[in-house]
C-alpha atoms as a PDB file:
ATOM      1  CA  UNK A   1       9.548 -44.584  38.397  1.00  0.00           C
ATOM      2  CA  UNK A   2       6.179 -43.493  37.068  1.00  0.00           C
ATOM      3  CA  UNK A   3       6.656 -39.998  38.539  1.00  0.00           C
ATOM      4  CA  UNK A   4      10.084 -39.759  36.996  1.00  0.00           C
ATOM      5  CA  UNK A   5       8.721 -40.703  33.544  1.00  0.00           C
ATOM      6  CA  UNK A   6       5.859 -38.187  33.929  1.00  0.00           C
ATOM      7  CA  UNK A   7       8.258 -35.385  34.866  1.00  0.00           C
ATOM      8  CA  UNK A   8      10.592 -36.334  32.022  1.00  0.00           C
ATOM      9  CA  UNK A   9       7.650 -36.290  29.600  1.00  0.00           C
ATOM     10  CA  UNK A  10       6.569 -32.846  30.811  1.00  0.00           C
ATOM     11  CA  UNK A  11      10.121 -31.541  30.360  1.00  0.00           C
ATOM     12  CA  UNK A  12      10.416 -33.001  26.860  1.00  0.00           C
ATOM     13  CA  UNK A  13       7.025 -31.694  25.752  1.00  0.00           C
ATOM     14  CA  UNK A  14       7.394 -28.265  27.420  1.00  0.00           C
ATOM     15  CA  UNK A  15       8.709 -26.557  24.227  1.00  0.00           C
ATOM     16  CA  UNK A  16       5.728 -27.860  22.254  1.00  0.00           C
ATOM     17  CA  UNK A  17       3.288 -26.642  24.914  1.00  0.00           C
ATOM     18  CA  UNK A  18       5.004 -23.233  24.805  1.00  0.00           C
ATOM     19  CA  UNK A  19       4.698 -23.077  21.024  1.00  0.00           C
ATOM     20  CA  UNK A  20       1.039 -24.065  21.234  1.00  0.00           C
ATOM     21  CA  UNK A  21       0.467 -21.321  23.832  1.00  0.00           C
ATOM     22  CA  UNK A  22       2.194 -18.729  21.652  1.00  0.00           C
ATOM     23  CA  UNK A  23       0.494 -19.705  18.392  1.00  0.00           C
ATOM     24  CA  UNK A  24      -2.968 -20.299  19.846  1.00  0.00           C
ATOM     25  CA  UNK A  25      -4.049 -16.615  19.489  1.00  0.00           C
ATOM     26  CA  UNK A  26      -2.741 -16.575  15.910  1.00  0.00           C
ATOM     27  CA  UNK A  27      -4.647 -19.766  15.042  1.00  0.00           C
ATOM     28  CA  UNK A  28      -7.795 -18.342  16.667  1.00  0.00           C
ATOM     29  CA  UNK A  29      -7.386 -15.097  14.708  1.00  0.00           C
ATOM     30  CA  UNK A  30      -6.880 -16.981  11.411  1.00  0.00           C
ATOM     31  CA  UNK A  31      -9.991 -19.051  12.130  1.00  0.00           C
ATOM     32  CA  UNK A  32     -11.961 -15.842  12.777  1.00  0.00           C
ATOM     33  CA  UNK A  33     -10.718 -14.341   9.488  1.00  0.00           C
ATOM     34  CA  UNK A  34     -11.688 -17.531   7.620  1.00  0.00           C
ATOM     35  CA  UNK A  35     -15.215 -17.379   9.052  1.00  0.00           C
ATOM     36  CA  UNK A  36     -15.534 -13.691   8.087  1.00  0.00           C
ATOM     37  CA  UNK A  37     -14.459 -14.406   4.505  1.00  0.00           C
ATOM     38  CA  UNK A  38     -16.858 -17.379   4.271  1.00  0.00           C
ATOM     39  CA  UNK A  39     -19.744 -15.183   5.388  1.00  0.00           C
ATOM     40  CA  UNK A  40     -18.757 -12.416   2.966  1.00  0.00           C
ATOM     41  CA  UNK A  41     -18.857 -14.766  -0.021  1.00  0.00           C
ATOM     42  CA  UNK A  42     -22.157 -16.395   0.922  1.00  0.00           C
ATOM     43  CA  UNK A  43     -24.261 -13.381   1.924  1.00  0.00           C
ATOM     44  CA  UNK A  44     -25.568 -10.716  -0.433  1.00  0.00           C
ATOM     45  CA  UNK A  45     -26.244  -7.245   1.084  1.00  0.00           C
ATOM     46  CA  UNK A  46     -29.479  -5.416   0.489  1.00  0.00           C
ATOM     47  CA  UNK A  47     -29.400  -3.149  -2.550  1.00  0.00           C
ATOM     48  CA  UNK A  48     -30.394   0.151  -0.963  1.00  0.00           C
ATOM     49  CA  UNK A  49     -30.110   3.659  -2.458  1.00  0.00           C
ATOM     50  CA  UNK A  50     -27.469   5.918  -0.941  1.00  0.00           C
ATOM     51  CA  UNK A  51     -30.082   8.511   0.109  1.00  0.00           C
ATOM     52  CA  UNK A  52     -32.015   5.909   2.109  1.00  0.00           C
ATOM     53  CA  UNK A  53     -28.818   4.682   3.750  1.00  0.00           C
ATOM     54  CA  UNK A  54     -27.902   8.241   4.733  1.00  0.00           C
ATOM     55  CA  UNK A  55     -31.388   8.844   6.133  1.00  0.00           C
ATOM     56  CA  UNK A  56     -31.240   5.687   8.240  1.00  0.00           C
ATOM     57  CA  UNK A  57     -27.822   6.688   9.548  1.00  0.00           C
ATOM     58  CA  UNK A  58     -29.153  10.101  10.615  1.00  0.00           C
ATOM     59  CA  UNK A  59     -32.114   8.477  12.346  1.00  0.00           C
ATOM     60  CA  UNK A  60     -29.954   5.908  14.115  1.00  0.00           C
ATOM     61  CA  UNK A  61     -26.432   7.312  14.751  1.00  0.00           C
ATOM     62  CA  UNK A  62     -25.539   4.184  16.735  1.00  0.00           C
ATOM     63  CA  UNK A  63     -25.150   2.347  13.425  1.00  0.00           C
ATOM     64  CA  UNK A  64     -22.467   4.830  12.387  1.00  0.00           C
ATOM     65  CA  UNK A  65     -20.642   4.208  15.657  1.00  0.00           C
ATOM     66  CA  UNK A  66     -20.631   0.490  14.905  1.00  0.00           C
ATOM     67  CA  UNK A  67     -18.972   1.162  11.542  1.00  0.00           C
ATOM     68  CA  UNK A  68     -16.424   3.460  13.179  1.00  0.00           C
ATOM     69  CA  UNK A  69     -15.673   0.795  15.772  1.00  0.00           C
ATOM     70  CA  UNK A  70     -15.185  -1.771  13.007  1.00  0.00           C
ATOM     71  CA  UNK A  71     -12.871   0.638  11.170  1.00  0.00           C
ATOM     72  CA  UNK A  72     -10.880   1.126  14.379  1.00  0.00           C
ATOM     73  CA  UNK A  73     -10.395  -2.634  14.740  1.00  0.00           C
ATOM     74  CA  UNK A  74      -9.224  -3.063  11.159  1.00  0.00           C
ATOM     75  CA  UNK A  75      -6.868  -0.082  11.384  1.00  0.00           C
ATOM     76  CA  UNK A  76      -5.468  -1.400  14.666  1.00  0.00           C
ATOM     77  CA  UNK A  77      -4.776  -4.773  13.065  1.00  0.00           C
ATOM     78  CA  UNK A  78      -3.122  -3.041  10.102  1.00  0.00           C
ATOM     79  CA  UNK A  79      -0.902  -1.015  12.449  1.00  0.00           C
ATOM     80  CA  UNK A  80       0.071  -4.188  14.337  1.00  0.00           C
ATOM     81  CA  UNK A  81       0.967  -5.835  11.030  1.00  0.00           C
ATOM     82  CA  UNK A  82       3.015  -2.777  10.057  1.00  0.00           C
ATOM     83  CA  UNK A  83       4.857  -2.906  13.391  1.00  0.00           C
ATOM     84  CA  UNK A  84       5.706  -6.581  12.872  1.00  0.00           C
ATOM     85  CA  UNK A  85       6.996  -6.107   9.322  1.00  0.00           C
ATOM     86  CA  UNK A  86       8.987  -3.045  10.403  1.00  0.00           C
ATOM     87  CA  UNK A  87      10.594  -5.087  13.183  1.00  0.00           C
ATOM     88  CA  UNK A  88      11.452  -7.796  10.643  1.00  0.00           C
ATOM     89  CA  UNK A  89      12.945  -5.118   8.373  1.00  0.00           C
ATOM     90  CA  UNK A  90      15.504  -4.276  11.053  1.00  0.00           C
ATOM     91  CA  UNK A  91      17.400  -7.433  10.079  1.00  0.00           C
ATOM     92  CA  UNK A  92      18.196  -6.228   6.552  1.00  0.00           C
ATOM     93  CA  UNK A  93      17.836  -2.430   6.763  1.00  0.00           C
ATOM     94  CA  UNK A  94      21.588  -1.823   6.521  1.00  0.00           C
ATOM     95  CA  UNK A  95      21.772  -3.824   3.295  1.00  0.00           C
ATOM     96  CA  UNK A  96      18.733  -1.931   2.009  1.00  0.00           C
ATOM     97  CA  UNK A  97      20.365   1.438   2.744  1.00  0.00           C
ATOM     98  CA  UNK A  98      23.457   0.260   0.887  1.00  0.00           C
ATOM     99  CA  UNK A  99      21.230  -0.692  -2.062  1.00  0.00           C
ATOM    100  CA  UNK A 100      19.557   2.734  -2.052  1.00  0.00           C
ATOM    101  CA  UNK A 101      22.974   4.425  -1.917  1.00  0.00           C
ATOM    102  CA  UNK A 102      24.444   2.273  -4.692  1.00  0.00           C
ATOM    103  CA  UNK A 103      23.901   4.978  -7.382  1.00  0.00           C
ATOM    104  CA  UNK A 104      26.381   7.202  -5.495  1.00  0.00           C
ATOM    105  CA  UNK A 105      28.836   4.477  -4.518  1.00  0.00           C
ATOM    106  CA  UNK A 106      27.160   2.685  -1.619  1.00  0.00           C
ATOM    107  CA  UNK A 107      26.704   3.408   2.053  1.00  0.00           C
ATOM    108  CA  UNK A 108      30.391   4.339   2.453  1.00  0.00           C
ATOM    109  CA  UNK A 109      29.768   7.459   0.335  1.00  0.00           C
ATOM    110  CA  UNK A 110      27.370   8.941   2.912  1.00  0.00           C
ATOM    111  CA  UNK A 111      28.698  11.323   5.577  1.00  0.00           C
ATOM    112  CA  UNK A 112      26.688  12.008   8.730  1.00  0.00           C
ATOM    113  CA  UNK A 113      26.949  15.321  10.589  1.00  0.00           C
ATOM    114  CA  UNK A 114      24.417  15.064  13.420  1.00  0.00           C
ATOM    115  CA  UNK A 115      24.697  12.512  16.209  1.00  0.00           C
ATOM    116  CA  UNK A 116      21.253  10.989  15.615  1.00  0.00           C
ATOM    117  CA  UNK A 117      21.323  11.257  11.838  1.00  0.00           C
ATOM    118  CA  UNK A 118      22.342   7.643  11.177  1.00  0.00           C
ATOM    119  CA  UNK A 119      19.723   6.107  13.465  1.00  0.00           C
ATOM    120  CA  UNK A 120      17.027   8.418  12.073  1.00  0.00           C
ATOM    121  CA  UNK A 121      17.916   7.306   8.545  1.00  0.00           C
ATOM    122  CA  UNK A 122      17.881   3.664   9.667  1.00  0.00           C
ATOM    123  CA  UNK A 123      14.386   4.006  11.145  1.00  0.00           C
ATOM    124  CA  UNK A 124      13.073   5.794   8.048  1.00  0.00           C
ATOM    125  CA  UNK A 125      14.231   3.028   5.711  1.00  0.00           C
ATOM    126  CA  UNK A 126      12.977   0.314   8.085  1.00  0.00           C
ATOM    127  CA  UNK A 127       9.541   1.956   8.200  1.00  0.00           C
ATOM    128  CA  UNK A 128       9.315   2.223   4.399  1.00  0.00           C
ATOM    129  CA  UNK A 129      10.436  -1.386   4.044  1.00  0.00           C
ATOM    130  CA  UNK A 130       7.914  -2.456   6.692  1.00  0.00           C
ATOM    131  CA  UNK A 131       5.140  -0.616   4.849  1.00  0.00           C
ATOM    132  CA  UNK A 132       6.077  -2.319   1.575  1.00  0.00           C
ATOM    133  CA  UNK A 133       5.993  -5.746   3.236  1.00  0.00           C
ATOM    134  CA  UNK A 134       2.740  -5.011   5.084  1.00  0.00           C
ATOM    135  CA  UNK A 135       0.984  -3.500   2.064  1.00  0.00           C
ATOM    136  CA  UNK A 136      -0.873  -6.730   1.113  1.00  0.00           C
ATOM    137  CA  UNK A 137      -2.135  -7.151   4.669  1.00  0.00           C
ATOM    138  CA  UNK A 138      -3.131  -3.469   4.975  1.00  0.00           C
ATOM    139  CA  UNK A 139      -5.071  -3.745   1.699  1.00  0.00           C
ATOM    140  CA  UNK A 140      -6.685  -6.958   2.987  1.00  0.00           C
ATOM    141  CA  UNK A 141      -7.843  -5.260   6.209  1.00  0.00           C
ATOM    142  CA  UNK A 142      -9.329  -2.381   4.227  1.00  0.00           C
ATOM    143  CA  UNK A 143     -11.101  -4.926   2.032  1.00  0.00           C
ATOM    144  CA  UNK A 144     -12.502  -6.679   5.120  1.00  0.00           C
ATOM    145  CA  UNK A 145     -13.913  -3.356   6.331  1.00  0.00           C
ATOM    146  CA  UNK A 146     -15.525  -2.398   3.015  1.00  0.00           C
ATOM    147  CA  UNK A 147     -16.670  -5.877   1.931  1.00  0.00           C
ATOM    148  CA  UNK A 148     -19.887  -6.119   4.032  1.00  0.00           C
ATOM    149  CA  UNK A 149     -21.410  -3.204   2.091  1.00  0.00           C
ATOM    150  CA  UNK A 150     -20.445  -4.553  -1.342  1.00  0.00           C
ATOM    151  CA  UNK A 151     -22.046  -7.120  -3.572  1.00  0.00           C
ATOM    152  CA  UNK A 152     -20.506 -10.545  -3.876  1.00  0.00           C
ATOM    153  CA  UNK A 153     -19.121  -9.668  -7.306  1.00  0.00           C
ATOM    154  CA  UNK A 154     -17.502  -6.488  -5.980  1.00  0.00           C
ATOM    155  CA  UNK A 155     -16.067  -8.394  -3.018  1.00  0.00           C
ATOM    156  CA  UNK A 156     -14.456 -10.894  -5.347  1.00  0.00           C
ATOM    157  CA  UNK A 157     -12.996  -8.122  -7.529  1.00  0.00           C
ATOM    158  CA  UNK A 158     -11.639  -6.307  -4.482  1.00  0.00           C
ATOM    159  CA  UNK A 159     -10.012  -9.466  -3.160  1.00  0.00           C
ATOM    160  CA  UNK A 160      -8.362 -10.197  -6.501  1.00  0.00           C
ATOM    161  CA  UNK A 161      -7.060  -6.617  -6.605  1.00  0.00           C
ATOM    162  CA  UNK A 162      -4.885  -7.130  -3.503  1.00  0.00           C
ATOM    163  CA  UNK A 163      -2.048  -8.987  -5.339  1.00  0.00           C
ATOM    164  CA  UNK A 164      -2.265  -6.379  -8.089  1.00  0.00           C
ATOM    165  CA  UNK A 165      -1.763  -3.637  -5.470  1.00  0.00           C
ATOM    166  CA  UNK A 166       1.599  -5.165  -4.564  1.00  0.00           C
ATOM    167  CA  UNK A 167       2.560  -5.626  -8.215  1.00  0.00           C
ATOM    168  CA  UNK A 168       1.733  -2.027  -9.207  1.00  0.00           C
ATOM    169  CA  UNK A 169       3.527  -0.640  -6.141  1.00  0.00           C
ATOM    170  CA  UNK A 170       6.616  -2.736  -6.950  1.00  0.00           C
ATOM    171  CA  UNK A 171       6.528  -1.489 -10.560  1.00  0.00           C
ATOM    172  CA  UNK A 172       6.436   2.088  -9.273  1.00  0.00           C
ATOM    173  CA  UNK A 173       9.423   1.442  -7.005  1.00  0.00           C
ATOM    174  CA  UNK A 174      11.377  -0.148  -9.866  1.00  0.00           C
ATOM    175  CA  UNK A 175      10.590   2.733 -12.224  1.00  0.00           C
ATOM    176  CA  UNK A 176      11.666   5.336  -9.674  1.00  0.00           C
ATOM    177  CA  UNK A 177      14.860   3.468  -8.751  1.00  0.00           C
ATOM    178  CA  UNK A 178      16.065   2.438 -12.209  1.00  0.00           C
ATOM    179  CA  UNK A 179      14.498   5.162 -14.364  1.00  0.00           C
ATOM    180  CA  UNK A 180      14.267   8.397 -12.398  1.00  0.00           C
ATOM    181  CA  UNK A 181      16.973   8.255  -9.743  1.00  0.00           C
ATOM    182  CA  UNK A 182      20.024   7.953 -12.050  1.00  0.00           C
ATOM    183  CA  UNK A 183      18.949  10.969 -14.120  1.00  0.00           C
ATOM    184  CA  UNK A 184      17.998  13.059 -11.097  1.00  0.00           C
ATOM    185  CA  UNK A 185      21.187  12.259  -9.185  1.00  0.00           C
ATOM    186  CA  UNK A 186      23.382  12.927 -12.222  1.00  0.00           C
ATOM    187  CA  UNK A 187      21.868  16.402 -12.432  1.00  0.00           C
ATOM    188  CA  UNK A 188      21.852  17.143  -8.704  1.00  0.00           C
ATOM    189  CA  UNK A 189      25.351  15.926  -7.828  1.00  0.00           C
ATOM    190  CA  UNK A 190      27.080  17.692 -10.739  1.00  0.00           C
ATOM    191  CA  UNK A 191      25.204  20.977 -10.848  1.00  0.00           C
ATOM    192  CA  UNK A 192      27.639  23.884 -11.432  1.00  0.00           C
ATOM    193  CA  UNK A 193      30.563  21.434 -10.963  1.00  0.00           C
ATOM    194  CA  UNK A 194      30.251  21.787  -7.188  1.00  0.00           C
ATOM    195  CA  UNK A 195      31.408  18.763  -5.186  1.00  0.00           C
ATOM    196  CA  UNK A 196      28.492  17.306  -3.238  1.00  0.00           C
ATOM    197  CA  UNK A 197      28.932  15.016  -0.225  1.00  0.00           C
ATOM    198  CA  UNK A 198      25.530  13.429   0.451  1.00  0.00           C
ATOM    199  CA  UNK A 199      24.291  13.180   4.030  1.00  0.00           C
ATOM    200  CA  UNK A 200      22.276  10.122   5.089  1.00  0.00           C
ATOM    201  CA  UNK A 201      19.251  12.163   6.196  1.00  0.00           C
ATOM    202  CA  UNK A 202      18.969  14.286   3.040  1.00  0.00           C
ATOM    203  CA  UNK A 203      19.925  11.615   0.520  1.00  0.00           C
ATOM    204  CA  UNK A 204      17.839   8.783   1.997  1.00  0.00           C
ATOM    205  CA  UNK A 205      14.973  11.222   2.613  1.00  0.00           C
ATOM    206  CA  UNK A 206      15.052  12.247  -1.046  1.00  0.00           C
ATOM    207  CA  UNK A 207      15.243   8.642  -2.289  1.00  0.00           C
ATOM    208  CA  UNK A 208      12.556   7.191  -0.016  1.00  0.00           C
ATOM    209  CA  UNK A 209      10.128  10.047  -0.726  1.00  0.00           C
ATOM    210  CA  UNK A 210      10.600   9.582  -4.454  1.00  0.00           C
ATOM    211  CA  UNK A 211      10.117   5.811  -4.235  1.00  0.00           C
ATOM    212  CA  UNK A 212       7.069   6.076  -1.959  1.00  0.00           C
ATOM    213  CA  UNK A 213       5.116   8.644  -3.960  1.00  0.00           C
ATOM    214  CA  UNK A 214       5.884   7.111  -7.342  1.00  0.00           C
ATOM    215  CA  UNK A 215       4.891   3.714  -5.959  1.00  0.00           C
ATOM    216  CA  UNK A 216       1.561   5.142  -4.801  1.00  0.00           C
ATOM    217  CA  UNK A 217       1.041   6.920  -8.129  1.00  0.00           C
ATOM    218  CA  UNK A 218       1.293   3.583  -9.924  1.00  0.00           C
ATOM    219  CA  UNK A 219      -1.737   2.391  -7.929  1.00  0.00           C
ATOM    220  CA  UNK A 220      -4.012   4.891  -9.710  1.00  0.00           C
ATOM    221  CA  UNK A 221      -4.990   2.676 -12.699  1.00  0.00           C
ATOM    222  CA  UNK A 222      -5.809  -0.190 -10.366  1.00  0.00           C
ATOM    223  CA  UNK A 223      -7.954   2.033  -8.129  1.00  0.00           C
ATOM    224  CA  UNK A 224      -9.898   3.367 -11.121  1.00  0.00           C
ATOM    225  CA  UNK A 225     -10.367  -0.151 -12.494  1.00  0.00           C
ATOM    226  CA  UNK A 226     -11.734  -1.475  -9.198  1.00  0.00           C
ATOM    227  CA  UNK A 227     -14.024   1.524  -8.684  1.00  0.00           C
ATOM    228  CA  UNK A 228     -15.274   1.272 -12.261  1.00  0.00           C
ATOM    229  CA  UNK A 229     -15.891  -2.455 -11.793  1.00  0.00           C
ATOM    230  CA  UNK A 230     -18.074  -1.581  -8.817  1.00  0.00           C
ATOM    231  CA  UNK A 231     -19.812   1.122 -10.910  1.00  0.00           C
ATOM    232  CA  UNK A 232     -18.694   3.812  -8.450  1.00  0.00           C
ATOM    233  CA  UNK A 233     -16.680   5.906 -10.943  1.00  0.00           C
ATOM    234  CA  UNK A 234     -18.041   7.151 -14.280  1.00  0.00           C
ATOM    235  CA  UNK A 235     -15.133   6.632 -16.681  1.00  0.00           C
ATOM    236  CA  UNK A 236     -16.717   8.733 -19.441  1.00  0.00           C
ATOM    237  CA  UNK A 237     -16.947  11.760 -17.133  1.00  0.00           C
ATOM    238  CA  UNK A 238     -13.341  11.137 -16.042  1.00  0.00           C
ATOM    239  CA  UNK A 239     -12.170  11.054 -19.666  1.00  0.00           C
ATOM    240  CA  UNK A 240     -13.975  14.323 -20.448  1.00  0.00           C
ATOM    241  CA  UNK A 241     -11.951  16.052 -17.730  1.00  0.00           C
ATOM    242  CA  UNK A 242      -8.562  15.061 -19.176  1.00  0.00           C
ATOM    243  CA  UNK A 243      -7.379  18.665 -19.472  1.00  0.00           C
ATOM    244  CA  UNK A 244      -8.035  19.329 -15.795  1.00  0.00           C
ATOM    245  CA  UNK A 245      -6.386  16.011 -14.959  1.00  0.00           C
ATOM    246  CA  UNK A 246      -3.179  17.009 -16.776  1.00  0.00           C
ATOM    247  CA  UNK A 247      -3.052  20.277 -14.833  1.00  0.00           C
ATOM    248  CA  UNK A 248      -3.498  18.371 -11.552  1.00  0.00           C
ATOM    249  CA  UNK A 249      -0.815  15.877 -12.614  1.00  0.00           C
ATOM    250  CA  UNK A 250       1.569  18.758 -13.399  1.00  0.00           C
ATOM    251  CA  UNK A 251       1.014  20.173  -9.907  1.00  0.00           C
ATOM    252  CA  UNK A 252       1.560  16.734  -8.374  1.00  0.00           C
ATOM    253  CA  UNK A 253       4.759  16.264 -10.396  1.00  0.00           C
ATOM    254  CA  UNK A 254       6.029  19.651  -9.222  1.00  0.00           C
ATOM    255  CA  UNK A 255       5.350  18.646  -5.605  1.00  0.00           C
ATOM    256  CA  UNK A 256       6.976  15.209  -5.939  1.00  0.00           C
ATOM    257  CA  UNK A 257       9.990  16.329  -7.982  1.00  0.00           C
ATOM    258  CA  UNK A 258      12.956  17.076  -5.709  1.00  0.00           C
ATOM    259  CA  UNK A 259      14.375  19.697  -8.096  1.00  0.00           C
ATOM    260  CA  UNK A 260      12.979  22.744  -9.885  1.00  0.00           C
ATOM    261  CA  UNK A 261      14.328  21.835 -13.333  1.00  0.00           C
ATOM    262  CA  UNK A 262      11.859  20.831 -16.072  1.00  0.00           C
ATOM    263  CA  UNK A 263      13.773  17.631 -16.924  1.00  0.00           C
ATOM    264  CA  UNK A 264      13.040  15.819 -13.676  1.00  0.00           C
ATOM    265  CA  UNK A 265       9.527  17.244 -13.571  1.00  0.00           C
ATOM    266  CA  UNK A 266       8.885  15.795 -17.050  1.00  0.00           C
ATOM    267  CA  UNK A 267      10.275  12.442 -15.895  1.00  0.00           C
ATOM    268  CA  UNK A 268       7.642  12.391 -13.156  1.00  0.00           C
ATOM    269  CA  UNK A 269       4.805  13.932 -15.151  1.00  0.00           C
ATOM    270  CA  UNK A 270       5.182  11.686 -18.212  1.00  0.00           C
ATOM    271  CA  UNK A 271       4.464   8.368 -16.433  1.00  0.00           C
ATOM    272  CA  UNK A 272       1.612   9.946 -14.448  1.00  0.00           C
ATOM    273  CA  UNK A 273      -0.089  11.102 -17.671  1.00  0.00           C
ATOM    274  CA  UNK A 274       0.367   7.630 -19.180  1.00  0.00           C
ATOM    275  CA  UNK A 275      -1.056   6.071 -16.013  1.00  0.00           C
ATOM    276  CA  UNK A 276      -4.067   8.398 -16.175  1.00  0.00           C
ATOM    277  CA  UNK A 277      -4.997   7.377 -19.720  1.00  0.00           C
ATOM    278  CA  UNK A 278      -4.234   3.740 -18.908  1.00  0.00           C
ATOM    279  CA  UNK A 279      -6.645   3.957 -15.976  1.00  0.00           C
ATOM    280  CA  UNK A 280      -9.340   5.345 -18.299  1.00  0.00           C
ATOM    281  CA  UNK A 281      -8.841   2.407 -20.672  1.00  0.00           C
ATOM    282  CA  UNK A 282      -8.968  -0.135 -17.856  1.00  0.00           C
ATOM    283  CA  UNK A 283     -12.015   1.575 -16.369  1.00  0.00           C
ATOM    284  CA  UNK A 284     -13.789   1.489 -19.715  1.00  0.00           C
ATOM    285  CA  UNK A 285     -13.154  -2.259 -20.004  1.00  0.00           C
ATOM    286  CA  UNK A 286     -14.342  -2.791 -16.427  1.00  0.00           C
ATOM    287  CA  UNK A 287     -17.579  -0.853 -16.925  1.00  0.00           C
ATOM    288  CA  UNK A 288     -18.312  -2.583 -20.217  1.00  0.00           C
ATOM    289  CA  UNK A 289     -17.900  -5.934 -18.489  1.00  0.00           C
ATOM    290  CA  UNK A 290     -20.082  -4.706 -15.628  1.00  0.00           C
ATOM    291  CA  UNK A 291     -22.876  -3.675 -17.996  1.00  0.00           C
ATOM    292  CA  UNK A 292     -22.691  -6.912 -19.964  1.00  0.00           C
ATOM    293  CA  UNK A 293     -22.968  -8.941 -16.746  1.00  0.00           C
ATOM    294  CA  UNK A 294     -25.998  -6.862 -15.723  1.00  0.00           C
ATOM    295  CA  UNK A 295     -27.657  -7.562 -19.101  1.00  0.00           C
ATOM    296  CA  UNK A 296     -27.033 -11.307 -18.738  1.00  0.00           C
ATOM    297  CA  UNK A 297     -28.400 -11.365 -15.185  1.00  0.00           C
ATOM    298  CA  UNK A 298     -31.541  -9.481 -16.216  1.00  0.00           C
END
């Protein structure tokens, strides 16, 4: 009877043992991350000039290899996270493609020609969706890599910037989808009154490229703010080069814009110029706060 009860207990508890076996590496990894973060917020690195750091690296190249090995680990974890979120995206990729094709009538309006065109389009959208979902974790891994060389204040600012990264990227996606796409598609699909039947590869490629690059462009003010908070970027020098910046933005807009007409190029260039001056304003506020904190500490 005792053996029977023991076997029955093992059978009943087998699913829980399996779950514990599967989640044990994840729990161990989360515990390791928690310890790393605790150390990062309790230790202050040595304030060493960049020239001295470079000289030490040249004298002892093994230290550089350690940093490269650490970068490899963080990039590997980021890639694993991207693979997981991309796999999760497979469950709703068809609905996402239908959402992207809604400005032209939905997924039923697309016509494939090649045999592998549909699956290639599916994978492209799943990868972009996986990147969007994994963006907070990718930013967190990059922060973990850079944090040991930053001050505690800079670490805290970088950690707080991670939610803002997602917010700015989402704002860029929304602007491209609701603001730019309708105007661009109205021009492209009715040019010279020629009937256009969109293909999945060309249409989804155009839409995803536009969303991705505009989403990244919206990260620029946040990047400048964080770098200015760490006193890495001189905002005054950046503001003095505004003419050069507008020329660079015009070239970027020409590269991002899917058409050669000035209307769509202006639609891309206008927000980028606004984002540039917004980043200068945010950087100025960040550096003023940085200087005031330095005066208080001294």
